[in-house]
Amino acid sequence: MRAMVEHNYDLVITDIRLSEGYSDNQDGREIAIAAKKSNPKTKVIILTGYWNMTLFASGLPFDAIFAKADIHEFLKYIEEFLAK
């Protein structure tokens, strides 16, 4: 979180559920909000292994969400973004 304030990132990838104890118990939702607040041009991708977690992402500032995504689909999205 501190790094996002200190640096501008083109892309932030986060899981919506982070392990307990991570960065003062913050989760992916807070990471997404902080990334966009720090730099609205930052692309935010949320990953989750649980389809039902996509409900928790609604209303969040993100550019893409991958729930149990095919790794090839995910990498294709990253490659297309980096090509811009």
C-alpha atoms as a PDB file:
ATOM      1  CA  MET A   1       0.000   0.000   0.000  1.00  0.00           C
ATOM      2  CA  ARG A   2       2.820   2.346   0.876  1.00  0.00           C
ATOM      3  CA  ALA A   3       4.536   1.630  -2.453  1.00  0.00           C
ATOM      4  CA  MET A   4       1.434   2.707  -4.391  1.00  0.00           C
ATOM      5  CA  VAL A   5       1.564   6.093  -2.710  1.00  0.00           C
ATOM      6  CA  GLU A   6       5.283   6.479  -3.378  1.00  0.00           C
ATOM      7  CA  HIS A   7       5.301   5.227  -7.002  1.00  0.00           C
ATOM      8  CA  ASN A   8       3.037   5.278 -10.026  1.00  0.00           C
ATOM      9  CA  TYR A   9       2.257   1.796 -11.297  1.00  0.00           C
ATOM     10  CA  ASP A  10       0.734   0.954 -14.653  1.00  0.00           C
ATOM     11  CA  LEU A  11      -0.736  -2.299 -13.384  1.00  0.00           C
ATOM     12  CA  VAL A  12      -1.724  -3.739 -10.009  1.00  0.00           C
ATOM     13  CA  ILE A  13      -2.777  -7.371  -9.684  1.00  0.00           C
ATOM     14  CA  THR A  14      -4.329  -8.500  -6.406  1.00  0.00           C
ATOM     15  CA  ASP A  15      -6.320 -11.379  -5.053  1.00  0.00           C
ATOM     16  CA  ILE A  16      -9.563 -10.266  -3.476  1.00  0.00           C
ATOM     17  CA  ARG A  17      -8.805 -12.415  -0.417  1.00  0.00           C
ATOM     18  CA  LEU A  18      -5.388 -11.932   1.116  1.00  0.00           C
ATOM     19  CA  SER A  19      -3.989 -14.013   3.938  1.00  0.00           C
ATOM     20  CA  GLU A  20      -4.538 -12.847   7.478  1.00  0.00           C
ATOM     21  CA  GLY A  21      -1.853 -10.561   8.752  1.00  0.00           C
ATOM     22  CA  TYR A  22      -1.142  -9.110   5.311  1.00  0.00           C
ATOM     23  CA  SER A  23      -0.523  -5.375   5.487  1.00  0.00           C
ATOM     24  CA  ASP A  24      -2.538  -4.691   8.648  1.00  0.00           C
ATOM     25  CA  ASN A  25      -5.285  -7.127   7.583  1.00  0.00           C
ATOM     26  CA  GLN A  26      -6.149  -5.233   4.411  1.00  0.00           C
ATOM     27  CA  ASP A  27      -7.692  -7.176   1.591  1.00  0.00           C
ATOM     28  CA  GLY A  28      -7.810  -6.927  -2.189  1.00  0.00           C
ATOM     29  CA  ARG A  29     -10.744  -4.534  -2.098  1.00  0.00           C
ATOM     30  CA  GLU A  30      -8.680  -1.998  -0.186  1.00  0.00           C
ATOM     31  CA  ILE A  31      -5.733  -2.564  -2.523  1.00  0.00           C
ATOM     32  CA  ALA A  32      -7.938  -1.841  -5.579  1.00  0.00           C
ATOM     33  CA  ILE A  33      -9.339   1.333  -4.026  1.00  0.00           C
ATOM     34  CA  ALA A  34      -5.888   2.574  -2.952  1.00  0.00           C
ATOM     35  CA  ALA A  35      -4.379   1.869  -6.378  1.00  0.00           C
ATOM     36  CA  LYS A  36      -7.040   3.882  -8.222  1.00  0.00           C
ATOM     37  CA  LYS A  37      -6.976   6.646  -5.614  1.00  0.00           C
ATOM     38  CA  SER A  38      -3.198   6.920  -5.909  1.00  0.00           C
ATOM     39  CA  ASN A  39      -3.289   6.972  -9.713  1.00  0.00           C
ATOM     40  CA  PRO A  40      -6.620   6.737 -11.589  1.00  0.00           C
ATOM     41  CA  LYS A  41      -4.759   5.557 -14.706  1.00  0.00           C
ATOM     42  CA  THR A  42      -3.455   2.441 -12.933  1.00  0.00           C
ATOM     43  CA  LYS A  43      -5.075  -0.710 -14.296  1.00  0.00           C
ATOM     44  CA  VAL A  44      -6.322  -2.997 -11.521  1.00  0.00           C
ATOM     45  CA  ILE A  45      -6.885  -6.698 -12.048  1.00  0.00           C
ATOM     46  CA  ILE A  46      -8.559  -8.717  -9.316  1.00  0.00           C
ATOM     47  CA  LEU A  47      -7.998 -12.459  -9.143  1.00  0.00           C
ATOM     48  CA  THR A  48     -10.047 -14.939  -7.178  1.00  0.00           C
ATOM     49  CA  GLY A  49     -10.365 -18.672  -7.032  1.00  0.00           C
ATOM     50  CA  TYR A  50     -13.973 -18.393  -5.929  1.00  0.00           C
ATOM     51  CA  TRP A  51     -16.842 -17.411  -8.228  1.00  0.00           C
ATOM     52  CA  ASN A  52     -18.879 -16.122  -5.285  1.00  0.00           C
ATOM     53  CA  MET A  53     -16.103 -13.649  -4.428  1.00  0.00           C
ATOM     54  CA  THR A  54     -16.952 -11.689  -7.575  1.00  0.00           C
ATOM     55  CA  LEU A  55     -19.980 -10.407  -5.658  1.00  0.00           C
ATOM     56  CA  PHE A  56     -17.621  -8.732  -3.185  1.00  0.00           C
ATOM     57  CA  ALA A  57     -15.892  -6.972  -6.065  1.00  0.00           C
ATOM     58  CA  SER A  58     -19.004  -5.238  -7.365  1.00  0.00           C
ATOM     59  CA  GLY A  59     -18.683  -1.501  -6.989  1.00  0.00           C
ATOM     60  CA  LEU A  60     -14.898  -1.648  -6.773  1.00  0.00           C
ATOM     61  CA  PRO A  61     -12.670   0.317  -9.129  1.00  0.00           C
ATOM     62  CA  PHE A  62     -11.107  -2.420 -11.228  1.00  0.00           C
ATOM     63  CA  ASP A  63     -10.467  -2.976 -14.910  1.00  0.00           C
ATOM     64  CA  ALA A  64     -10.836  -6.742 -14.994  1.00  0.00           C
ATOM     65  CA  ILE A  65     -11.709  -9.610 -12.700  1.00  0.00           C
ATOM     66  CA  PHE A  66     -10.661 -13.184 -13.270  1.00  0.00           C
ATOM     67  CA  ALA A  67     -12.465 -15.848 -11.276  1.00  0.00           C
ATOM     68  CA  LYS A  68     -10.987 -19.285 -11.805  1.00  0.00           C
ATOM     69  CA  ALA A  69      -9.683 -17.960 -15.092  1.00  0.00           C
ATOM     70  CA  ASP A  70      -7.753 -19.908 -17.622  1.00  0.00           C
ATOM     71  CA  ILE A  71      -4.105 -18.862 -17.260  1.00  0.00           C
ATOM     72  CA  HIS A  72      -3.886 -18.353 -21.031  1.00  0.00           C
ATOM     73  CA  GLU A  73      -6.835 -15.936 -20.957  1.00  0.00           C
ATOM     74  CA  PHE A  74      -5.230 -14.048 -18.081  1.00  0.00           C
ATOM     75  CA  LEU A  75      -1.834 -13.813 -19.800  1.00  0.00           C
ATOM     76  CA  LYS A  76      -3.481 -12.697 -23.048  1.00  0.00           C
ATOM     77  CA  TYR A  77      -5.178  -9.850 -21.169  1.00  0.00           C
ATOM     78  CA  ILE A  78      -1.842  -8.797 -19.628  1.00  0.00           C
ATOM     79  CA  GLU A  79      -0.061  -8.931 -22.993  1.00  0.00           C
ATOM     80  CA  GLU A  80      -2.777  -6.812 -24.636  1.00  0.00           C
ATOM     81  CA  PHE A  81      -2.581  -4.275 -21.840  1.00  0.00           C
ATOM     82  CA  LEU A  82       1.210  -4.035 -22.011  1.00  0.00           C
ATOM     83  CA  ALA A  83       1.073  -3.591 -25.800  1.00  0.00           C
ATOM     84  CA  LYS A  84      -0.930  -0.355 -25.426  1.00  0.00           C
END
